[in-house]
Amino acid sequence: PRELINVEITESAIISRSALRQRVADRLVDAGFGLEIDD
């Protein structure tokens, strides 16, 4: 089940090339995954 998997993304990963990576991060949330900002 989707609710049993959380996805960790480091803060630095989002900051670099932020527009593209933020779009993927938003899609993860919209898809129902728990999103965690690591480090």
PDB file of all heavy atoms in Angstrom:
ATOM      1  N   PRO A   1       0.820  -1.210   0.000  1.00  0.00           N
ATOM      2  CA  PRO A   1       0.000   0.000   0.000  1.00  0.00           C
ATOM      3  C   PRO A   1       0.855   1.261   0.000  1.00  0.00           C
ATOM      4  O   PRO A   1       1.925   1.300   0.609  1.00  0.00           O
ATOM      5  CB  PRO A   1      -0.802  -0.118   1.303  1.00  0.00           C
ATOM      6  CG  PRO A   1      -0.768  -1.564   1.653  1.00  0.00           C
ATOM      7  CD  PRO A   1       0.559  -2.071   1.167  1.00  0.00           C
ATOM      8  N   ARG A   2       0.382   2.268  -0.676  1.00  0.00           N
ATOM      9  CA  ARG A   2       1.143   3.508  -0.819  1.00  0.00           C
ATOM     10  C   ARG A   2       1.426   4.184   0.517  1.00  0.00           C
ATOM     11  O   ARG A   2       2.472   4.803   0.707  1.00  0.00           O
ATOM     12  CB  ARG A   2       0.370   4.448  -1.748  1.00  0.00           C
ATOM     13  CG  ARG A   2       1.184   5.567  -2.324  1.00  0.00           C
ATOM     14  CD  ARG A   2       0.494   6.164  -3.513  1.00  0.00           C
ATOM     15  NE  ARG A   2       0.257   5.151  -4.544  1.00  0.00           N
ATOM     16  CZ  ARG A   2      -0.161   5.423  -5.767  1.00  0.00           C
ATOM     17  NH1 ARG A   2      -0.408   6.664  -6.113  1.00  0.00           N
ATOM     18  NH2 ARG A   2      -0.342   4.464  -6.640  1.00  0.00           N
ATOM     19  N   GLU A   3       0.495   4.044   1.456  1.00  0.00           N
ATOM     20  CA  GLU A   3       0.662   4.734   2.736  1.00  0.00           C
ATOM     21  C   GLU A   3       1.767   4.112   3.588  1.00  0.00           C
ATOM     22  O   GLU A   3       2.129   4.663   4.639  1.00  0.00           O
ATOM     23  CB  GLU A   3      -0.647   4.746   3.519  1.00  0.00           C
ATOM     24  CG  GLU A   3      -1.199   3.377   3.853  1.00  0.00           C
ATOM     25  CD  GLU A   3      -2.169   2.842   2.794  1.00  0.00           C
ATOM     26  OE1 GLU A   3      -2.129   3.359   1.649  1.00  0.00           O
ATOM     27  OE2 GLU A   3      -2.941   1.931   3.113  1.00  0.00           O
ATOM     28  N   LEU A   4       2.330   2.991   3.156  1.00  0.00           N
ATOM     29  CA  LEU A   4       3.400   2.355   3.920  1.00  0.00           C
ATOM     30  C   LEU A   4       4.794   2.748   3.424  1.00  0.00           C
ATOM     31  O   LEU A   4       5.792   2.289   3.973  1.00  0.00           O
ATOM     32  CB  LEU A   4       3.256   0.834   3.868  1.00  0.00           C
ATOM     33  CG  LEU A   4       2.106   0.246   4.690  1.00  0.00           C
ATOM     34  CD1 LEU A   4       2.055  -1.267   4.540  1.00  0.00           C
ATOM     35  CD2 LEU A   4       2.232   0.631   6.162  1.00  0.00           C
ATOM     36  N   ILE A   5       4.864   3.566   2.393  1.00  0.00           N
ATOM     37  CA  ILE A   5       6.163   3.996   1.868  1.00  0.00           C
ATOM     38  C   ILE A   5       6.275   5.515   1.941  1.00  0.00           C
ATOM     39  O   ILE A   5       5.476   6.243   1.344  1.00  0.00           O
ATOM     40  CB  ILE A   5       6.355   3.539   0.410  1.00  0.00           C
ATOM     41  CG1 ILE A   5       6.336   2.017   0.322  1.00  0.00           C
ATOM     42  CG2 ILE A   5       7.665   4.095  -0.152  1.00  0.00           C
ATOM     43  CD1 ILE A   5       7.502   1.335   1.022  1.00  0.00           C
ATOM     44  N   ASN A   6       7.258   5.985   2.692  1.00  0.00           N
ATOM     45  CA  ASN A   6       7.584   7.403   2.727  1.00  0.00           C
ATOM     46  C   ASN A   6       8.860   7.639   1.920  1.00  0.00           C
ATOM     47  O   ASN A   6       9.769   6.808   1.944  1.00  0.00           O
ATOM     48  CB  ASN A   6       7.792   7.893   4.162  1.00  0.00           C
ATOM     49  CG  ASN A   6       6.526   7.790   4.992  1.00  0.00           C
ATOM     50  OD1 ASN A   6       5.417   7.915   4.472  1.00  0.00           O
ATOM     51  ND2 ASN A   6       6.677   7.560   6.280  1.00  0.00           N
ATOM     52  N   VAL A   7       8.921   8.766   1.234  1.00  0.00           N
ATOM     53  CA  VAL A   7      10.065   9.076   0.392  1.00  0.00           C
ATOM     54  C   VAL A   7      10.851  10.225   1.011  1.00  0.00           C
ATOM     55  O   VAL A   7      10.291  11.280   1.306  1.00  0.00           O
ATOM     56  CB  VAL A   7       9.615   9.460  -1.037  1.00  0.00           C
ATOM     57  CG1 VAL A   7      10.833   9.785  -1.899  1.00  0.00           C
ATOM     58  CG2 VAL A   7       8.805   8.326  -1.658  1.00  0.00           C
ATOM     59  N   GLU A   8      12.153   9.989   1.210  1.00  0.00           N
ATOM     60  CA  GLU A   8      13.034  11.019   1.755  1.00  0.00           C
ATOM     61  C   GLU A   8      13.824  11.676   0.632  1.00  0.00           C
ATOM     62  O   GLU A   8      14.418  10.981  -0.199  1.00  0.00           O
ATOM     63  CB  GLU A   8      14.015  10.417   2.768  1.00  0.00           C
ATOM     64  CG  GLU A   8      13.377   9.941   4.050  1.00  0.00           C
ATOM     65  CD  GLU A   8      14.420   9.528   5.080  1.00  0.00           C
ATOM     66  OE1 GLU A   8      15.621   9.809   4.862  1.00  0.00           O
ATOM     67  OE2 GLU A   8      14.038   8.920   6.098  1.00  0.00           O
ATOM     68  N   ILE A   9      13.818  12.999   0.627  1.00  0.00           N
ATOM     69  CA  ILE A   9      14.607  13.775  -0.324  1.00  0.00           C
ATOM     70  C   ILE A   9      15.416  14.788   0.470  1.00  0.00           C
ATOM     71  O   ILE A   9      14.869  15.497   1.312  1.00  0.00           O
ATOM     72  CB  ILE A   9      13.712  14.507  -1.342  1.00  0.00           C
ATOM     73  CG1 ILE A   9      12.846  13.504  -2.115  1.00  0.00           C
ATOM     74  CG2 ILE A   9      14.551  15.335  -2.308  1.00  0.00           C
ATOM     75  CD1 ILE A   9      11.852  14.172  -3.043  1.00  0.00           C
ATOM     76  N   THR A  10      16.713  14.841   0.239  1.00  0.00           N
ATOM     77  CA  THR A  10      17.531  15.781   0.992  1.00  0.00           C
ATOM     78  C   THR A  10      17.202  17.209   0.587  1.00  0.00           C
ATOM     79  O   THR A  10      16.811  17.485  -0.546  1.00  0.00           O
ATOM     80  CB  THR A  10      19.036  15.542   0.775  1.00  0.00           C
ATOM     81  OG1 THR A  10      19.350  15.739  -0.598  1.00  0.00           O
ATOM     82  CG2 THR A  10      19.424  14.142   1.204  1.00  0.00           C
ATOM     83  N   GLU A  11      17.394  18.097   1.537  1.00  0.00           N
ATOM     84  CA  GLU A  11      17.140  19.516   1.273  1.00  0.00           C
ATOM     85  C   GLU A  11      18.011  20.022   0.127  1.00  0.00           C
ATOM     86  O   GLU A  11      17.538  20.758  -0.754  1.00  0.00           O
ATOM     87  CB  GLU A  11      17.422  20.318   2.541  1.00  0.00           C
ATOM     88  CG  GLU A  11      17.211  21.812   2.383  1.00  0.00           C
ATOM     89  CD  GLU A  11      17.774  22.574   3.563  1.00  0.00           C
ATOM     90  OE1 GLU A  11      18.582  22.012   4.317  1.00  0.00           O
ATOM     91  OE2 GLU A  11      17.412  23.744   3.706  1.00  0.00           O
ATOM     92  N   SER A  12      19.278  19.607   0.090  1.00  0.00           N
ATOM     93  CA  SER A  12      20.190  20.071  -0.960  1.00  0.00           C
ATOM     94  C   SER A  12      19.746  19.591  -2.334  1.00  0.00           C
ATOM     95  O   SER A  12      19.960  20.270  -3.339  1.00  0.00           O
ATOM     96  CB  SER A  12      21.611  19.584  -0.673  1.00  0.00           C
ATOM     97  OG  SER A  12      21.651  18.165  -0.607  1.00  0.00           O
ATOM     98  N   ALA A  13      19.120  18.407  -2.394  1.00  0.00           N
ATOM     99  CA  ALA A  13      18.653  17.882  -3.679  1.00  0.00           C
ATOM    100  C   ALA A  13      17.550  18.755  -4.255  1.00  0.00           C
ATOM    101  O   ALA A  13      17.457  18.944  -5.477  1.00  0.00           O
ATOM    102  CB  ALA A  13      18.153  16.455  -3.511  1.00  0.00           C
ATOM    103  N   ILE A  14      16.715  19.298  -3.395  1.00  0.00           N
ATOM    104  CA  ILE A  14      15.611  20.131  -3.857  1.00  0.00           C
ATOM    105  C   ILE A  14      16.102  21.509  -4.255  1.00  0.00           C
ATOM    106  O   ILE A  14      15.638  22.097  -5.237  1.00  0.00           O
ATOM    107  CB  ILE A  14      14.537  20.243  -2.762  1.00  0.00           C
ATOM    108  CG1 ILE A  14      13.982  18.851  -2.445  1.00  0.00           C
ATOM    109  CG2 ILE A  14      13.410  21.164  -3.198  1.00  0.00           C
ATOM    110  CD1 ILE A  14      13.039  18.830  -1.266  1.00  0.00           C
ATOM    111  N   ILE A  15      17.069  22.042  -3.501  1.00  0.00           N
ATOM    112  CA  ILE A  15      17.545  23.391  -3.778  1.00  0.00           C
ATOM    113  C   ILE A  15      18.232  23.472  -5.135  1.00  0.00           C
ATOM    114  O   ILE A  15      18.036  24.416  -5.902  1.00  0.00           O
ATOM    115  CB  ILE A  15      18.509  23.850  -2.655  1.00  0.00           C
ATOM    116  CG1 ILE A  15      17.723  24.054  -1.352  1.00  0.00           C
ATOM    117  CG2 ILE A  15      19.219  25.135  -3.045  1.00  0.00           C
ATOM    118  CD1 ILE A  15      18.592  24.415  -0.170  1.00  0.00           C
ATOM    119  N   SER A  16      19.049  22.463  -5.474  1.00  0.00           N
ATOM    120  CA  SER A  16      19.745  22.499  -6.752  1.00  0.00           C
ATOM    121  C   SER A  16      18.775  22.140  -7.877  1.00  0.00           C
ATOM    122  O   SER A  16      18.031  21.178  -7.776  1.00  0.00           O
ATOM    123  CB  SER A  16      20.920  21.517  -6.729  1.00  0.00           C
ATOM    124  OG  SER A  16      20.480  20.214  -6.463  1.00  0.00           O
ATOM    125  N   ARG A  17      18.809  22.926  -8.962  1.00  0.00           N
ATOM    126  CA  ARG A  17      17.887  22.750 -10.083  1.00  0.00           C
ATOM    127  C   ARG A  17      16.470  22.614  -9.551  1.00  0.00           C
ATOM    128  O   ARG A  17      15.724  21.683  -9.865  1.00  0.00           O
ATOM    129  CB  ARG A  17      18.279  21.543 -10.921  1.00  0.00           C
ATOM    130  CG  ARG A  17      19.637  21.691 -11.590  1.00  0.00           C
ATOM    131  CD  ARG A  17      19.967  20.550 -12.492  1.00  0.00           C
ATOM    132  NE  ARG A  17      19.047  20.465 -13.629  1.00  0.00           N
ATOM    133  CZ  ARG A  17      19.252  19.660 -14.676  1.00  0.00           C
ATOM    134  NH1 ARG A  17      20.327  18.901 -14.720  1.00  0.00           N
ATOM    135  NH2 ARG A  17      18.382  19.612 -15.651  1.00  0.00           N
ATOM    136  N   SER A  18      16.084  23.589  -8.731  1.00  0.00           N
ATOM    137  CA  SER A  18      14.891  23.458  -7.899  1.00  0.00           C
ATOM    138  C   SER A  18      13.599  23.294  -8.685  1.00  0.00           C
ATOM    139  O   SER A  18      12.718  22.540  -8.267  1.00  0.00           O
ATOM    140  CB  SER A  18      14.779  24.671  -6.958  1.00  0.00           C
ATOM    141  OG  SER A  18      14.741  25.867  -7.715  1.00  0.00           O
ATOM    142  N   ALA A  19      13.442  23.971  -9.804  1.00  0.00           N
ATOM    143  CA  ALA A  19      12.158  23.928 -10.517  1.00  0.00           C
ATOM    144  C   ALA A  19      11.806  22.507 -10.928  1.00  0.00           C
ATOM    145  O   ALA A  19      10.691  22.024 -10.699  1.00  0.00           O
ATOM    146  CB  ALA A  19      12.212  24.846 -11.732  1.00  0.00           C
ATOM    147  N   LEU A  20      12.758  21.814 -11.538  1.00  0.00           N
ATOM    148  CA  LEU A  20      12.517  20.449 -11.997  1.00  0.00           C
ATOM    149  C   LEU A  20      12.291  19.516 -10.826  1.00  0.00           C
ATOM    150  O   LEU A  20      11.338  18.720 -10.804  1.00  0.00           O
ATOM    151  CB  LEU A  20      13.705  19.967 -12.830  1.00  0.00           C
ATOM    152  CG  LEU A  20      13.687  18.493 -13.265  1.00  0.00           C
ATOM    153  CD1 LEU A  20      12.451  18.213 -14.111  1.00  0.00           C
ATOM    154  CD2 LEU A  20      14.957  18.155 -14.040  1.00  0.00           C
ATOM    155  N   ARG A  21      13.143  19.597  -9.822  1.00  0.00           N
ATOM    156  CA  ARG A  21      13.055  18.677  -8.699  1.00  0.00           C
ATOM    157  C   ARG A  21      11.849  18.968  -7.823  1.00  0.00           C
ATOM    158  O   ARG A  21      11.242  18.058  -7.261  1.00  0.00           O
ATOM    159  CB  ARG A  21      14.358  18.718  -7.911  1.00  0.00           C
ATOM    160  CG  ARG A  21      15.484  18.016  -8.683  1.00  0.00           C
ATOM    161  CD  ARG A  21      16.831  18.197  -8.076  1.00  0.00           C
ATOM    162  NE  ARG A  21      17.811  17.347  -8.754  1.00  0.00           N
ATOM    163  CZ  ARG A  21      19.066  17.669  -8.947  1.00  0.00           C
ATOM    164  NH1 ARG A  21      19.523  18.819  -8.498  1.00  0.00           N
ATOM    165  NH2 ARG A  21      19.888  16.843  -9.574  1.00  0.00           N
ATOM    166  N   GLN A  22      11.473  20.221  -7.701  1.00  0.00           N
ATOM    167  CA  GLN A  22      10.271  20.551  -6.943  1.00  0.00           C
ATOM    168  C   GLN A  22       9.037  19.988  -7.636  1.00  0.00           C
ATOM    169  O   GLN A  22       8.087  19.553  -6.975  1.00  0.00           O
ATOM    170  CB  GLN A  22      10.137  22.062  -6.776  1.00  0.00           C
ATOM    171  CG  GLN A  22      11.075  22.638  -5.725  1.00  0.00           C
ATOM    172  CD  GLN A  22      10.881  24.127  -5.514  1.00  0.00           C
ATOM    173  OE1 GLN A  22       9.842  24.674  -5.853  1.00  0.00           O
ATOM    174  NE2 GLN A  22      11.874  24.780  -4.952  1.00  0.00           N
ATOM    175  N   ARG A  23       9.041  19.971  -8.951  1.00  0.00           N
ATOM    176  CA  ARG A  23       7.906  19.423  -9.692  1.00  0.00           C
ATOM    177  C   ARG A  23       7.750  17.931  -9.394  1.00  0.00           C
ATOM    178  O   ARG A  23       6.642  17.435  -9.177  1.00  0.00           O
ATOM    179  CB  ARG A  23       8.079  19.656 -11.191  1.00  0.00           C
ATOM    180  CG  ARG A  23       6.863  19.205 -12.008  1.00  0.00           C
ATOM    181  CD  ARG A  23       6.908  19.765 -13.417  1.00  0.00           C
ATOM    182  NE  ARG A  23       8.020  19.234 -14.191  1.00  0.00           N
ATOM    183  CZ  ARG A  23       9.064  19.953 -14.605  1.00  0.00           C
ATOM    184  NH1 ARG A  23       9.144  21.237 -14.283  1.00  0.00           N
ATOM    185  NH2 ARG A  23      10.026  19.398 -15.313  1.00  0.00           N
ATOM    186  N   VAL A  24       8.864  17.193  -9.371  1.00  0.00           N
ATOM    187  CA  VAL A  24       8.805  15.767  -9.042  1.00  0.00           C
ATOM    188  C   VAL A  24       8.351  15.579  -7.602  1.00  0.00           C
ATOM    189  O   VAL A  24       7.540  14.687  -7.298  1.00  0.00           O
ATOM    190  CB  VAL A  24      10.169  15.100  -9.280  1.00  0.00           C
ATOM    191  CG1 VAL A  24      10.135  13.643  -8.819  1.00  0.00           C
ATOM    192  CG2 VAL A  24      10.561  15.178 -10.741  1.00  0.00           C
ATOM    193  N   ALA A  25       8.855  16.411  -6.687  1.00  0.00           N
ATOM    194  CA  ALA A  25       8.449  16.318  -5.288  1.00  0.00           C
ATOM    195  C   ALA A  25       6.949  16.545  -5.144  1.00  0.00           C
ATOM    196  O   ALA A  25       6.259  15.832  -4.404  1.00  0.00           O
ATOM    197  CB  ALA A  25       9.228  17.328  -4.450  1.00  0.00           C
ATOM    198  N   ASP A  26       6.416  17.527  -5.849  1.00  0.00           N
ATOM    199  CA  ASP A  26       4.974  17.787  -5.796  1.00  0.00           C
ATOM    200  C   ASP A  26       4.182  16.611  -6.349  1.00  0.00           C
ATOM    201  O   ASP A  26       3.120  16.257  -5.820  1.00  0.00           O
ATOM    202  CB  ASP A  26       4.644  19.051  -6.594  1.00  0.00           C
ATOM    203  CG  ASP A  26       5.101  20.321  -5.902  1.00  0.00           C
ATOM    204  OD1 ASP A  26       5.353  20.269  -4.677  1.00  0.00           O
ATOM    205  OD2 ASP A  26       5.216  21.361  -6.573  1.00  0.00           O
ATOM    206  N   ARG A  27       4.707  15.971  -7.386  1.00  0.00           N
ATOM    207  CA  ARG A  27       4.015  14.815  -7.968  1.00  0.00           C
ATOM    208  C   ARG A  27       3.995  13.647  -6.997  1.00  0.00           C
ATOM    209  O   ARG A  27       3.031  12.879  -6.944  1.00  0.00           O
ATOM    210  CB  ARG A  27       4.683  14.407  -9.277  1.00  0.00           C
ATOM    211  CG  ARG A  27       4.407  15.351 -10.450  1.00  0.00           C
ATOM    212  CD  ARG A  27       5.153  14.902 -11.694  1.00  0.00           C
ATOM    213  NE  ARG A  27       4.824  13.516 -12.031  1.00  0.00           N
ATOM    214  CZ  ARG A  27       5.666  12.681 -12.644  1.00  0.00           C
ATOM    215  NH1 ARG A  27       6.886  13.079 -12.981  1.00  0.00           N
ATOM    216  NH2 ARG A  27       5.288  11.450 -12.916  1.00  0.00           N
ATOM    217  N   LEU A  28       5.055  13.482  -6.214  1.00  0.00           N
ATOM    218  CA  LEU A  28       5.085  12.429  -5.204  1.00  0.00           C
ATOM    219  C   LEU A  28       3.987  12.637  -4.168  1.00  0.00           C
ATOM    220  O   LEU A  28       3.292  11.690  -3.780  1.00  0.00           O
ATOM    221  CB  LEU A  28       6.456  12.392  -4.513  1.00  0.00           C
ATOM    222  CG  LEU A  28       7.597  11.757  -5.295  1.00  0.00           C
ATOM    223  CD1 LEU A  28       8.936  12.111  -4.656  1.00  0.00           C
ATOM    224  CD2 LEU A  28       7.436  10.231  -5.361  1.00  0.00           C
ATOM    225  N   VAL A  29       3.837  13.877  -3.722  1.00  0.00           N
ATOM    226  CA  VAL A  29       2.783  14.191  -2.747  1.00  0.00           C
ATOM    227  C   VAL A  29       1.406  13.964  -3.368  1.00  0.00           C
ATOM    228  O   VAL A  29       0.524  13.354  -2.753  1.00  0.00           O
ATOM    229  CB  VAL A  29       2.925  15.644  -2.254  1.00  0.00           C
ATOM    230  CG1 VAL A  29       1.744  16.017  -1.358  1.00  0.00           C
ATOM    231  CG2 VAL A  29       4.228  15.817  -1.483  1.00  0.00           C
ATOM    232  N   ASP A  30       1.234  14.433  -4.594  1.00  0.00           N
ATOM    233  CA  ASP A  30      -0.061  14.277  -5.270  1.00  0.00           C
ATOM    234  C   ASP A  30      -0.394  12.804  -5.499  1.00  0.00           C
ATOM    235  O   ASP A  30      -1.570  12.424  -5.560  1.00  0.00           O
ATOM    236  CB  ASP A  30      -0.053  15.022  -6.604  1.00  0.00           C
ATOM    237  CG  ASP A  30       0.028  16.538  -6.431  1.00  0.00           C
ATOM    238  OD1 ASP A  30      -0.312  17.015  -5.323  1.00  0.00           O
ATOM    239  OD2 ASP A  30       0.452  17.226  -7.379  1.00  0.00           O
ATOM    240  N   ALA A  31       0.649  11.970  -5.632  1.00  0.00           N
ATOM    241  CA  ALA A  31       0.439  10.539  -5.849  1.00  0.00           C
ATOM    242  C   ALA A  31       0.126   9.800  -4.548  1.00  0.00           C
ATOM    243  O   ALA A  31      -0.179   8.608  -4.574  1.00  0.00           O
ATOM    244  CB  ALA A  31       1.667   9.917  -6.512  1.00  0.00           C
ATOM    245  N   GLY A  32       0.203  10.502  -3.419  1.00  0.00           N
ATOM    246  CA  GLY A  32      -0.176   9.903  -2.147  1.00  0.00           C
ATOM    247  C   GLY A  32       0.958   9.400  -1.288  1.00  0.00           C
ATOM    248  O   GLY A  32       0.725   8.741  -0.269  1.00  0.00           O
ATOM    249  N   PHE A  33       2.196   9.705  -1.660  1.00  0.00           N
ATOM    250  CA  PHE A  33       3.334   9.284  -0.843  1.00  0.00           C
ATOM    251  C   PHE A  33       3.583  10.292   0.280  1.00  0.00           C
ATOM    252  O   PHE A  33       3.380  11.493   0.103  1.00  0.00           O
ATOM    253  CB  PHE A  33       4.597   9.159  -1.696  1.00  0.00           C
ATOM    254  CG  PHE A  33       4.574   8.028  -2.670  1.00  0.00           C
ATOM    255  CD1 PHE A  33       4.224   8.238  -3.994  1.00  0.00           C
ATOM    256  CD2 PHE A  33       4.884   6.740  -2.266  1.00  0.00           C
ATOM    257  CE1 PHE A  33       4.193   7.200  -4.900  1.00  0.00           C
ATOM    258  CE2 PHE A  33       4.854   5.687  -3.162  1.00  0.00           C
ATOM    259  CZ  PHE A  33       4.507   5.913  -4.483  1.00  0.00           C
ATOM    260  N   GLY A  34       4.058   9.785   1.425  1.00  0.00           N
ATOM    261  CA  GLY A  34       4.531  10.673   2.465  1.00  0.00           C
ATOM    262  C   GLY A  34       5.899  11.208   2.065  1.00  0.00           C
ATOM    263  O   GLY A  34       6.796  10.432   1.743  1.00  0.00           O
ATOM    264  N   LEU A  35       6.057  12.524   2.055  1.00  0.00           N
ATOM    265  CA  LEU A  35       7.311  13.140   1.615  1.00  0.00           C
ATOM    266  C   LEU A  35       8.047  13.718   2.814  1.00  0.00           C
ATOM    267  O   LEU A  35       7.477  14.467   3.607  1.00  0.00           O
ATOM    268  CB  LEU A  35       7.040  14.232   0.585  1.00  0.00           C
ATOM    269  CG  LEU A  35       8.277  14.918  -0.009  1.00  0.00           C
ATOM    270  CD1 LEU A  35       9.119  13.920  -0.799  1.00  0.00           C
ATOM    271  CD2 LEU A  35       7.877  16.092  -0.903  1.00  0.00           C
ATOM    272  N   GLU A  36       9.338  13.372   2.931  1.00  0.00           N
ATOM    273  CA  GLU A  36      10.159  13.833   4.045  1.00  0.00           C
ATOM    274  C   GLU A  36      11.353  14.610   3.517  1.00  0.00           C
ATOM    275  O   GLU A  36      12.015  14.174   2.570  1.00  0.00           O
ATOM    276  CB  GLU A  36      10.646  12.631   4.857  1.00  0.00           C
ATOM    277  CG  GLU A  36       9.517  11.759   5.367  1.00  0.00           C
ATOM    278  CD  GLU A  36       9.995  10.548   6.145  1.00  0.00           C
ATOM    279  OE1 GLU A  36      11.223  10.319   6.216  1.00  0.00           O
ATOM    280  OE2 GLU A  36       9.132   9.834   6.686  1.00  0.00           O
ATOM    281  N   ILE A  37      11.614  15.770   4.124  1.00  0.00           N
ATOM    282  CA  ILE A  37      12.812  16.542   3.793  1.00  0.00           C
ATOM    283  C   ILE A  37      13.914  16.099   4.742  1.00  0.00           C
ATOM    284  O   ILE A  37      13.851  16.318   5.955  1.00  0.00           O
ATOM    285  CB  ILE A  37      12.561  18.048   3.922  1.00  0.00           C
ATOM    286  CG1 ILE A  37      11.453  18.492   2.962  1.00  0.00           C
ATOM    287  CG2 ILE A  37      13.844  18.829   3.631  1.00  0.00           C
ATOM    288  CD1 ILE A  37      11.101  19.957   3.065  1.00  0.00           C
ATOM    289  N   ASP A  38      14.935  15.457   4.189  1.00  0.00           N
ATOM    290  CA  ASP A  38      16.011  14.886   4.986  1.00  0.00           C
ATOM    291  C   ASP A  38      17.173  15.876   5.102  1.00  0.00           C
ATOM    292  O   ASP A  38      17.344  16.752   4.249  1.00  0.00           O
ATOM    293  CB  ASP A  38      16.497  13.594   4.319  1.00  0.00           C
ATOM    294  CG  ASP A  38      17.329  12.736   5.250  1.00  0.00           C
ATOM    295  OD1 ASP A  38      17.265  12.959   6.473  1.00  0.00           O
ATOM    296  OD2 ASP A  38      18.039  11.837   4.753  1.00  0.00           O
ATOM    297  N   ASP A  39      17.949  15.735   6.163  1.00  0.00           N
ATOM    298  CA  ASP A  39      19.174  16.534   6.370  1.00  0.00           C
ATOM    299  C   ASP A  39      18.897  18.033   6.430  1.00  0.00           C
ATOM    300  O   ASP A  39      19.744  18.839   6.026  1.00  0.00           O
ATOM    301  CB  ASP A  39      20.197  16.260   5.258  1.00  0.00           C
ATOM    302  CG  ASP A  39      20.749  14.852   5.315  1.00  0.00           C
ATOM    303  OD1 ASP A  39      20.577  14.204   6.362  1.00  0.00           O
ATOM    304  OD2 ASP A  39      21.333  14.401   4.323  1.00  0.00           O
TER     305      ASP A  39
END
